[in-house]
Amino acid sequence: MGFGGNNNMNIRRTLNEIIKIIKDTIFPAHCFGCDTEGKFVCDDCYRTLDLSGVFCCPVCHVHNETGRPCIACTQKIYIDRHVAITPYTEDALIGDMMHSFKYHYAEDVREVFARMIDDFFSSHAIEVDAIIAVPLHRRRYVERGFNQSEIIAQFVARSLHIPIVHNLIRSRHTRQQAKLHRDERLKNLYNAFTIENPHELVGKRILVVDDVFTTGSTVSECAKVLKEAQVGEVVSFSVARG
């Protein structure tokens, strides 16, 4: 990168710092948990988060040690395993964090998720070859301006030192899953994903990253397409599990 490129980077960095100072002055952050000014999640409230991991069957939610489907549920979902950092409760701290991040893009909350991911993977190993974020359709991306799953995937990639690949494409625009029942979610996602350059994924162990796992319908549909591309294993990861 030439001198001009470095100059532009320094200007952008300075502008971002100025914007942050103005934002923190006019709209100071208050902790979601205790309303203390200074951070969206203060250190005391952060310590109340359960980061021990959620390991249970992705279909019937029976707890186990691996997060793999139980024998009776194996044929009902395409993922081989699901792992989450913490249980999801809508009216608790994690619910407020997720809502602000996903719908209001509270930028500083990203660093809390990054900390959670680093803390979790410091004691939980996942052996995979590549990471894929659950993709947004380009129309939804334009509406929202970012893909929260992609941001989480970047933190996971940094923590695990594993590359992100972008072979999975959301080729059909769908209704928002959160507003649908389980059967409606499955119909909504039918043929919503495609694979580009499937030969690059053959035999690989893929970690599919999303923000919250509820029914598992989105990740399972992703896994279905990946399995059709002959990947070796699909592991699902989310920050929270409902």
C-alpha atoms as a PDB file:
ATOM      1  CA  MET A   1       0.000   0.000   0.000  1.00  0.00           C
ATOM      2  CA  GLY A   2       1.379   3.413  -0.998  1.00  0.00           C
ATOM      3  CA  PHE A   3       1.682   6.604   0.986  1.00  0.00           C
ATOM      4  CA  GLY A   4      -1.768   7.782  -0.128  1.00  0.00           C
ATOM      5  CA  GLY A   5      -3.356   4.549   1.094  1.00  0.00           C
ATOM      6  CA  ASN A   6      -1.809   4.924   4.549  1.00  0.00           C
ATOM      7  CA  ASN A   7      -2.945   8.549   4.644  1.00  0.00           C
ATOM      8  CA  ASN A   8      -6.539   7.563   3.858  1.00  0.00           C
ATOM      9  CA  MET A   9      -6.479   4.882   6.562  1.00  0.00           C
ATOM     10  CA  ASN A  10      -5.207   7.392   9.117  1.00  0.00           C
ATOM     11  CA  ILE A  11      -7.917   9.887   8.119  1.00  0.00           C
ATOM     12  CA  ARG A  12     -10.657   7.258   8.436  1.00  0.00           C
ATOM     13  CA  ARG A  13      -9.300   6.148  11.814  1.00  0.00           C
ATOM     14  CA  THR A  14      -9.235   9.743  13.054  1.00  0.00           C
ATOM     15  CA  LEU A  15     -12.779  10.390  11.803  1.00  0.00           C
ATOM     16  CA  ASN A  16     -14.028   7.222  13.510  1.00  0.00           C
ATOM     17  CA  GLU A  17     -12.405   8.311  16.765  1.00  0.00           C
ATOM     18  CA  ILE A  18     -13.996  11.774  16.501  1.00  0.00           C
ATOM     19  CA  ILE A  19     -17.409  10.271  15.755  1.00  0.00           C
ATOM     20  CA  LYS A  20     -17.066   7.938  18.753  1.00  0.00           C
ATOM     21  CA  ILE A  21     -16.134  10.829  21.052  1.00  0.00           C
ATOM     22  CA  ILE A  22     -19.134  12.874  19.855  1.00  0.00           C
ATOM     23  CA  LYS A  23     -21.473   9.905  20.191  1.00  0.00           C
ATOM     24  CA  ASP A  24     -20.223   9.040  23.676  1.00  0.00           C
ATOM     25  CA  THR A  25     -20.621  12.666  24.743  1.00  0.00           C
ATOM     26  CA  ILE A  26     -24.119  13.238  23.358  1.00  0.00           C
ATOM     27  CA  PHE A  27     -25.444   9.696  23.772  1.00  0.00           C
ATOM     28  CA  PRO A  28     -23.411   8.074  26.566  1.00  0.00           C
ATOM     29  CA  ALA A  29     -23.701   4.316  26.833  1.00  0.00           C
ATOM     30  CA  HIS A  30     -25.698   2.845  29.705  1.00  0.00           C
ATOM     31  CA  CYS A  31     -25.386  -0.771  30.802  1.00  0.00           C
ATOM     32  CA  PHE A  32     -28.289  -2.927  29.631  1.00  0.00           C
ATOM     33  CA  GLY A  33     -28.178  -4.781  32.929  1.00  0.00           C
ATOM     34  CA  CYS A  34     -27.892  -2.081  35.606  1.00  0.00           C
ATOM     35  CA  ASP A  35     -28.127   1.214  33.689  1.00  0.00           C
ATOM     36  CA  THR A  36     -24.699   2.341  34.890  1.00  0.00           C
ATOM     37  CA  GLU A  37     -23.215   4.923  32.523  1.00  0.00           C
ATOM     38  CA  GLY A  38     -20.064   4.046  30.633  1.00  0.00           C
ATOM     39  CA  LYS A  39     -20.605   0.719  28.852  1.00  0.00           C
ATOM     40  CA  PHE A  40     -23.462  -1.186  27.250  1.00  0.00           C
ATOM     41  CA  VAL A  41     -22.490  -4.125  29.463  1.00  0.00           C
ATOM     42  CA  CYS A  42     -20.475  -3.290  32.567  1.00  0.00           C
ATOM     43  CA  ASP A  43     -17.961  -5.753  33.979  1.00  0.00           C
ATOM     44  CA  ASP A  44     -20.217  -6.701  36.876  1.00  0.00           C
ATOM     45  CA  CYS A  45     -23.135  -7.521  34.568  1.00  0.00           C
ATOM     46  CA  TYR A  46     -20.839  -9.306  32.134  1.00  0.00           C
ATOM     47  CA  ARG A  47     -19.899 -11.696  34.924  1.00  0.00           C
ATOM     48  CA  THR A  48     -23.581 -12.621  35.322  1.00  0.00           C
ATOM     49  CA  LEU A  49     -23.692 -14.067  31.790  1.00  0.00           C
ATOM     50  CA  ASP A  50     -23.609 -17.861  31.680  1.00  0.00           C
ATOM     51  CA  LEU A  51     -20.772 -18.657  29.262  1.00  0.00           C
ATOM     52  CA  SER A  52     -20.527 -22.363  30.107  1.00  0.00           C
ATOM     53  CA  GLY A  53     -22.076 -23.392  26.798  1.00  0.00           C
ATOM     54  CA  VAL A  54     -25.374 -24.913  25.697  1.00  0.00           C
ATOM     55  CA  PHE A  55     -25.023 -28.496  24.496  1.00  0.00           C
ATOM     56  CA  CYS A  56     -28.207 -30.349  23.612  1.00  0.00           C
ATOM     57  CA  CYS A  57     -30.036 -32.052  20.768  1.00  0.00           C
ATOM     58  CA  PRO A  58     -30.801 -29.421  18.085  1.00  0.00           C
ATOM     59  CA  VAL A  59     -34.313 -30.835  17.641  1.00  0.00           C
ATOM     60  CA  CYS A  60     -35.775 -31.949  20.976  1.00  0.00           C
ATOM     61  CA  HIS A  61     -33.449 -29.864  23.209  1.00  0.00           C
ATOM     62  CA  VAL A  62     -32.491 -32.791  25.475  1.00  0.00           C
ATOM     63  CA  HIS A  63     -29.164 -31.921  27.069  1.00  0.00           C
ATOM     64  CA  ASN A  64     -26.068 -33.952  26.254  1.00  0.00           C
ATOM     65  CA  GLU A  65     -22.306 -33.383  26.246  1.00  0.00           C
ATOM     66  CA  THR A  66     -21.759 -32.841  22.528  1.00  0.00           C
ATOM     67  CA  GLY A  67     -24.699 -30.934  21.044  1.00  0.00           C
ATOM     68  CA  ARG A  68     -25.359 -33.749  18.571  1.00  0.00           C
ATOM     69  CA  PRO A  69     -28.901 -34.873  17.666  1.00  0.00           C
ATOM     70  CA  CYS A  70     -30.185 -37.773  19.717  1.00  0.00           C
ATOM     71  CA  ILE A  71     -30.877 -41.020  17.825  1.00  0.00           C
ATOM     72  CA  ALA A  72     -34.596 -40.331  17.503  1.00  0.00           C
ATOM     73  CA  CYS A  73     -33.955 -36.876  15.990  1.00  0.00           C
ATOM     74  CA  THR A  74     -31.073 -37.632  13.609  1.00  0.00           C
ATOM     75  CA  GLN A  75     -33.314 -37.766  10.538  1.00  0.00           C
ATOM     76  CA  LYS A  76     -35.104 -34.514  11.395  1.00  0.00           C
ATOM     77  CA  ILE A  77     -32.216 -32.073  10.946  1.00  0.00           C
ATOM     78  CA  TYR A  78     -29.184 -31.804   8.689  1.00  0.00           C
ATOM     79  CA  ILE A  79     -26.630 -30.374  11.102  1.00  0.00           C
ATOM     80  CA  ASP A  80     -24.301 -32.795  12.862  1.00  0.00           C
ATOM     81  CA  ARG A  81     -23.882 -30.734  16.005  1.00  0.00           C
ATOM     82  CA  HIS A  82     -24.908 -27.433  17.540  1.00  0.00           C
ATOM     83  CA  VAL A  83     -23.010 -25.399  20.122  1.00  0.00           C
ATOM     84  CA  ALA A  84     -24.056 -22.106  21.714  1.00  0.00           C
ATOM     85  CA  ILE A  85     -22.346 -19.951  24.304  1.00  0.00           C
ATOM     86  CA  THR A  86     -25.331 -19.018  26.448  1.00  0.00           C
ATOM     87  CA  PRO A  87     -29.084 -19.610  26.816  1.00  0.00           C
ATOM     88  CA  TYR A  88     -31.275 -16.962  25.196  1.00  0.00           C
ATOM     89  CA  THR A  89     -33.952 -15.166  27.197  1.00  0.00           C
ATOM     90  CA  GLU A  90     -35.668 -12.286  25.433  1.00  0.00           C
ATOM     91  CA  ASP A  91     -36.273 -10.140  28.516  1.00  0.00           C
ATOM     92  CA  ALA A  92     -32.832 -10.774  30.066  1.00  0.00           C
ATOM     93  CA  LEU A  93     -29.456  -9.127  29.467  1.00  0.00           C
ATOM     94  CA  ILE A  94     -28.586 -11.322  26.468  1.00  0.00           C
ATOM     95  CA  GLY A  95     -31.949 -10.515  24.869  1.00  0.00           C
ATOM     96  CA  ASP A  96     -31.377  -6.768  25.166  1.00  0.00           C
ATOM     97  CA  MET A  97     -27.879  -7.155  23.743  1.00  0.00           C
ATOM     98  CA  MET A  98     -29.072  -9.185  20.760  1.00  0.00           C
ATOM     99  CA  HIS A  99     -31.969  -6.878  19.965  1.00  0.00           C
ATOM    100  CA  SER A 100     -29.815  -3.739  20.066  1.00  0.00           C
ATOM    101  CA  PHE A 101     -27.112  -5.364  17.958  1.00  0.00           C
ATOM    102  CA  LYS A 102     -29.421  -6.871  15.340  1.00  0.00           C
ATOM    103  CA  TYR A 103     -31.984  -4.104  14.890  1.00  0.00           C
ATOM    104  CA  HIS A 104     -30.235  -0.919  16.028  1.00  0.00           C
ATOM    105  CA  TYR A 105     -26.612  -1.819  15.278  1.00  0.00           C
ATOM    106  CA  ALA A 106     -25.315  -0.767  18.675  1.00  0.00           C
ATOM    107  CA  GLU A 107     -21.720  -0.902  17.521  1.00  0.00           C
ATOM    108  CA  ASP A 108     -20.124  -1.089  20.957  1.00  0.00           C
ATOM    109  CA  VAL A 109     -22.105  -4.242  21.751  1.00  0.00           C
ATOM    110  CA  ARG A 110     -20.004  -6.024  19.130  1.00  0.00           C
ATOM    111  CA  GLU A 111     -17.014  -5.912  21.451  1.00  0.00           C
ATOM    112  CA  VAL A 112     -19.020  -7.636  24.180  1.00  0.00           C
ATOM    113  CA  PHE A 113     -19.818 -10.474  21.785  1.00  0.00           C
ATOM    114  CA  ALA A 114     -16.163 -10.634  20.782  1.00  0.00           C
ATOM    115  CA  ARG A 115     -15.210 -10.966  24.451  1.00  0.00           C
ATOM    116  CA  MET A 116     -17.827 -13.687  24.993  1.00  0.00           C
ATOM    117  CA  ILE A 117     -16.540 -15.633  21.992  1.00  0.00           C
ATOM    118  CA  ASP A 118     -12.902 -15.381  23.088  1.00  0.00           C
ATOM    119  CA  ASP A 119     -13.766 -16.430  26.640  1.00  0.00           C
ATOM    120  CA  PHE A 120     -15.865 -19.359  25.409  1.00  0.00           C
ATOM    121  CA  PHE A 121     -13.329 -20.747  22.957  1.00  0.00           C
ATOM    122  CA  SER A 122     -10.531 -20.452  25.497  1.00  0.00           C
ATOM    123  CA  SER A 123     -12.074 -23.532  27.136  1.00  0.00           C
ATOM    124  CA  HIS A 124     -14.115 -25.172  24.332  1.00  0.00           C
ATOM    125  CA  ALA A 125     -12.414 -26.548  21.248  1.00  0.00           C
ATOM    126  CA  ILE A 126     -14.216 -26.993  17.938  1.00  0.00           C
ATOM    127  CA  GLU A 127     -12.330 -28.756  15.152  1.00  0.00           C
ATOM    128  CA  VAL A 128     -13.455 -27.455  11.765  1.00  0.00           C
ATOM    129  CA  ASP A 129     -11.776 -26.458   8.506  1.00  0.00           C
ATOM    130  CA  ALA A 130     -13.739 -23.351   7.546  1.00  0.00           C
ATOM    131  CA  ILE A 131     -16.401 -20.963   8.787  1.00  0.00           C
ATOM    132  CA  ILE A 132     -19.537 -19.838   6.952  1.00  0.00           C
ATOM    133  CA  ALA A 133     -21.860 -17.120   8.242  1.00  0.00           C
ATOM    134  CA  VAL A 134     -25.575 -17.580   7.593  1.00  0.00           C
ATOM    135  CA  PRO A 135     -25.947 -15.212   4.624  1.00  0.00           C
ATOM    136  CA  LEU A 136     -28.466 -12.437   4.148  1.00  0.00           C
ATOM    137  CA  HIS A 137     -30.188 -11.867   0.831  1.00  0.00           C
ATOM    138  CA  ARG A 138     -28.766  -8.756  -0.849  1.00  0.00           C
ATOM    139  CA  ARG A 139     -32.132  -6.993  -0.468  1.00  0.00           C
ATOM    140  CA  ARG A 140     -32.170  -7.587   3.296  1.00  0.00           C
ATOM    141  CA  TYR A 141     -28.517  -6.559   3.504  1.00  0.00           C
ATOM    142  CA  VAL A 142     -29.301  -3.230   1.829  1.00  0.00           C
ATOM    143  CA  GLU A 143     -32.204  -2.674   4.217  1.00  0.00           C
ATOM    144  CA  ARG A 144     -30.160  -3.450   7.332  1.00  0.00           C
ATOM    145  CA  GLY A 145     -26.714  -2.340   6.208  1.00  0.00           C
ATOM    146  CA  PHE A 146     -24.871  -5.263   7.779  1.00  0.00           C
ATOM    147  CA  ASN A 147     -25.080  -8.994   8.459  1.00  0.00           C
ATOM    148  CA  GLN A 148     -24.881  -9.671  12.192  1.00  0.00           C
ATOM    149  CA  SER A 149     -23.963 -13.328  11.571  1.00  0.00           C
ATOM    150  CA  GLU A 150     -21.020 -12.245   9.418  1.00  0.00           C
ATOM    151  CA  ILE A 151     -19.732  -9.980  12.199  1.00  0.00           C
ATOM    152  CA  ILE A 152     -20.014 -12.810  14.730  1.00  0.00           C
ATOM    153  CA  ALA A 153     -18.293 -15.156  12.268  1.00  0.00           C
ATOM    154  CA  GLN A 154     -15.383 -12.712  12.022  1.00  0.00           C
ATOM    155  CA  PHE A 155     -14.931 -12.833  15.797  1.00  0.00           C
ATOM    156  CA  VAL A 156     -15.086 -16.642  15.743  1.00  0.00           C
ATOM    157  CA  ALA A 157     -12.541 -16.786  12.910  1.00  0.00           C
ATOM    158  CA  ARG A 158     -10.198 -14.516  14.828  1.00  0.00           C
ATOM    159  CA  SER A 159     -10.571 -16.562  17.993  1.00  0.00           C
ATOM    160  CA  LEU A 160     -10.141 -19.978  16.336  1.00  0.00           C
ATOM    161  CA  HIS A 161      -7.685 -18.876  13.610  1.00  0.00           C
ATOM    162  CA  ILE A 162      -9.882 -20.522  10.967  1.00  0.00           C
ATOM    163  CA  PRO A 163     -10.788 -18.892   7.620  1.00  0.00           C
ATOM    164  CA  ILE A 164     -14.220 -17.652   6.606  1.00  0.00           C
ATOM    165  CA  VAL A 165     -15.455 -18.789   3.183  1.00  0.00           C
ATOM    166  CA  HIS A 166     -18.360 -17.316   1.223  1.00  0.00           C
ATOM    167  CA  ASN A 167     -19.580 -20.235  -0.883  1.00  0.00           C
ATOM    168  CA  LEU A 168     -23.066 -20.221   0.658  1.00  0.00           C
ATOM    169  CA  ILE A 169     -25.412 -17.732  -1.007  1.00  0.00           C
ATOM    170  CA  ARG A 170     -28.913 -16.659  -0.035  1.00  0.00           C
ATOM    171  CA  SER A 171     -30.380 -16.725  -3.519  1.00  0.00           C
ATOM    172  CA  ARG A 172     -34.033 -16.121  -2.664  1.00  0.00           C
ATOM    173  CA  HIS A 173     -35.497 -13.316  -0.550  1.00  0.00           C
ATOM    174  CA  THR A 174     -37.578 -14.681   2.345  1.00  0.00           C
ATOM    175  CA  ARG A 175     -39.820 -13.347   5.083  1.00  0.00           C
ATOM    176  CA  GLN A 176     -38.251 -12.710   8.497  1.00  0.00           C
ATOM    177  CA  GLN A 177     -38.017 -16.009  10.378  1.00  0.00           C
ATOM    178  CA  ALA A 178     -38.706 -14.460  13.782  1.00  0.00           C
ATOM    179  CA  LYS A 179     -42.290 -13.710  12.741  1.00  0.00           C
ATOM    180  CA  LEU A 180     -43.095 -17.289  11.673  1.00  0.00           C
ATOM    181  CA  HIS A 181     -44.000 -20.588  13.335  1.00  0.00           C
ATOM    182  CA  ARG A 182     -41.778 -23.635  12.839  1.00  0.00           C
ATOM    183  CA  ASP A 183     -43.700 -25.122   9.894  1.00  0.00           C
ATOM    184  CA  GLU A 184     -43.887 -21.714   8.247  1.00  0.00           C
ATOM    185  CA  ARG A 185     -40.149 -21.245   8.749  1.00  0.00           C
ATOM    186  CA  LEU A 186     -39.378 -24.489   6.932  1.00  0.00           C
ATOM    187  CA  LYS A 187     -41.560 -23.531   3.951  1.00  0.00           C
ATOM    188  CA  ASN A 188     -40.148 -20.008   3.962  1.00  0.00           C
ATOM    189  CA  LEU A 189     -36.569 -21.281   3.612  1.00  0.00           C
ATOM    190  CA  TYR A 190     -37.184 -23.953   0.977  1.00  0.00           C
ATOM    191  CA  ASN A 191     -34.576 -23.540  -1.789  1.00  0.00           C
ATOM    192  CA  ALA A 192     -33.445 -20.227  -0.295  1.00  0.00           C
ATOM    193  CA  PHE A 193     -29.732 -21.121  -0.345  1.00  0.00           C
ATOM    194  CA  THR A 194     -27.318 -22.183  -3.065  1.00  0.00           C
ATOM    195  CA  ILE A 195     -23.622 -23.079  -3.191  1.00  0.00           C
ATOM    196  CA  GLU A 196     -21.001 -21.453  -5.370  1.00  0.00           C
ATOM    197  CA  ASN A 197     -17.922 -23.511  -6.315  1.00  0.00           C
ATOM    198  CA  PRO A 198     -19.091 -26.591  -4.366  1.00  0.00           C
ATOM    199  CA  HIS A 199     -15.904 -28.495  -5.219  1.00  0.00           C
ATOM    200  CA  GLU A 200     -14.031 -26.235  -2.767  1.00  0.00           C
ATOM    201  CA  LEU A 201     -16.036 -27.650   0.152  1.00  0.00           C
ATOM    202  CA  VAL A 202     -15.939 -31.377  -0.552  1.00  0.00           C
ATOM    203  CA  GLY A 203     -14.953 -33.331   2.554  1.00  0.00           C
ATOM    204  CA  LYS A 204     -14.440 -30.226   4.699  1.00  0.00           C
ATOM    205  CA  ARG A 205     -15.782 -29.680   8.209  1.00  0.00           C
ATOM    206  CA  ILE A 206     -17.827 -26.478   8.149  1.00  0.00           C
ATOM    207  CA  LEU A 207     -18.835 -24.285  11.087  1.00  0.00           C
ATOM    208  CA  VAL A 208     -22.060 -22.415  10.239  1.00  0.00           C
ATOM    209  CA  VAL A 209     -22.399 -19.283  12.379  1.00  0.00           C
ATOM    210  CA  ASP A 210     -25.619 -17.479  13.319  1.00  0.00           C
ATOM    211  CA  ASP A 211     -26.536 -15.078  16.104  1.00  0.00           C
ATOM    212  CA  VAL A 212     -29.383 -16.991  17.813  1.00  0.00           C
ATOM    213  CA  PHE A 213     -30.502 -20.616  17.409  1.00  0.00           C
ATOM    214  CA  THR A 214     -34.203 -21.188  18.051  1.00  0.00           C
ATOM    215  CA  THR A 215     -35.894 -23.895  15.953  1.00  0.00           C
ATOM    216  CA  GLY A 216     -32.751 -24.508  13.919  1.00  0.00           C
ATOM    217  CA  SER A 217     -34.642 -24.283  10.641  1.00  0.00           C
ATOM    218  CA  THR A 218     -32.332 -21.688   9.066  1.00  0.00           C
ATOM    219  CA  VAL A 219     -29.100 -23.482   9.916  1.00  0.00           C
ATOM    220  CA  SER A 220     -30.581 -26.856   8.991  1.00  0.00           C
ATOM    221  CA  GLU A 221     -31.507 -25.577   5.525  1.00  0.00           C
ATOM    222  CA  CYS A 222     -27.964 -24.228   5.156  1.00  0.00           C
ATOM    223  CA  ALA A 223     -26.625 -27.609   6.238  1.00  0.00           C
ATOM    224  CA  LYS A 224     -28.856 -29.414   3.750  1.00  0.00           C
ATOM    225  CA  VAL A 225     -27.341 -27.479   0.856  1.00  0.00           C
ATOM    226  CA  LEU A 226     -23.828 -27.988   2.239  1.00  0.00           C
ATOM    227  CA  LYS A 227     -24.376 -31.730   2.597  1.00  0.00           C
ATOM    228  CA  GLU A 228     -25.564 -31.843  -1.017  1.00  0.00           C
ATOM    229  CA  ALA A 229     -22.197 -30.272  -1.857  1.00  0.00           C
ATOM    230  CA  GLN A 230     -20.573 -33.252  -0.084  1.00  0.00           C
ATOM    231  CA  VAL A 231     -19.063 -31.462   2.888  1.00  0.00           C
ATOM    232  CA  GLY A 232     -17.758 -33.806   5.566  1.00  0.00           C
ATOM    233  CA  GLU A 233     -19.529 -32.347   8.614  1.00  0.00           C
ATOM    234  CA  VAL A 234     -21.683 -29.330   9.478  1.00  0.00           C
ATOM    235  CA  VAL A 235     -21.353 -27.894  12.973  1.00  0.00           C
ATOM    236  CA  SER A 236     -23.681 -25.058  13.948  1.00  0.00           C
ATOM    237  CA  PHE A 237     -22.548 -22.295  16.289  1.00  0.00           C
ATOM    238  CA  SER A 238     -24.519 -19.403  17.750  1.00  0.00           C
ATOM    239  CA  VAL A 239     -23.904 -16.896  20.505  1.00  0.00           C
ATOM    240  CA  ALA A 240     -27.237 -17.768  22.127  1.00  0.00           C
ATOM    241  CA  ARG A 241     -29.765 -20.563  22.024  1.00  0.00           C
ATOM    242  CA  GLY A 242     -33.476 -20.174  22.623  1.00  0.00           C
END
